[in-house]
Every structure is written in C-alpha cells, then in structure tokens.
Amino acid sequence: GKVKADEWRNTILVYPVALFEAWRIGESLPDEDAPLPKARSKVKAKEAHTAELFKKRRKKHAARQEIPETYFGAIEDTGASRSYADHYLNVLSS
C-alpha cells in the first residue's frame, strides 16, 4: 500500500540517523563522493535522464529570468553533487 502521512512524519525523524549510520566511517562521514552506478544499469540510465531534464529546466528558468546565454555553458557543466557530506547537510537543513 501507499505510505501514509504519519508514517512519513515518523520516518523523517530517524532518516538523518539512518543515513549517518549507513555512510559513516569511524565517527564521521567520508569526505568523498558516492560511487557512480554501473554503466549498463537502470540507475545509470535514470540518472542520465534526470540530469538532462534538470539542465533543460535550468535553461528554461534562465531564459525566463533573461539571464544571458553565456550562462548556459555553466548549466551544461553543472551536475548533482555526489558528496555524502553535502547530501547529509541538505537532509539536516530540511
């Protein structure tokens, strides 16, 4: 079945602890990036699709904000962070 709102509320309370336990090395999170998915996996294909969709949406947003096209090169070079520490800090700040 579907997850109910109160189940999400309870899950989100323990999510930071679960992530820390899953990712920690010793007493802290590693200062490194998560490994890339295997080339022929479904995850790799989904990741590539999501990255393209993200770039299209950023370009569309930049065009609406009348940001110069020179900025579009920076959009092409931008990707999602694979850093364990960055992801964990985002989870804590939400």
Foldseek 3Di string as FASTA:
>chain_A
DDDDPVNVVVCLVCVLVVLCVVQDDPNGHDFDFDDDDDPPDPVNVVQVVVLVVQLVVVVVVCVVVVNDCVCSVVSVVDDDTRGSVVVSVVSVVD
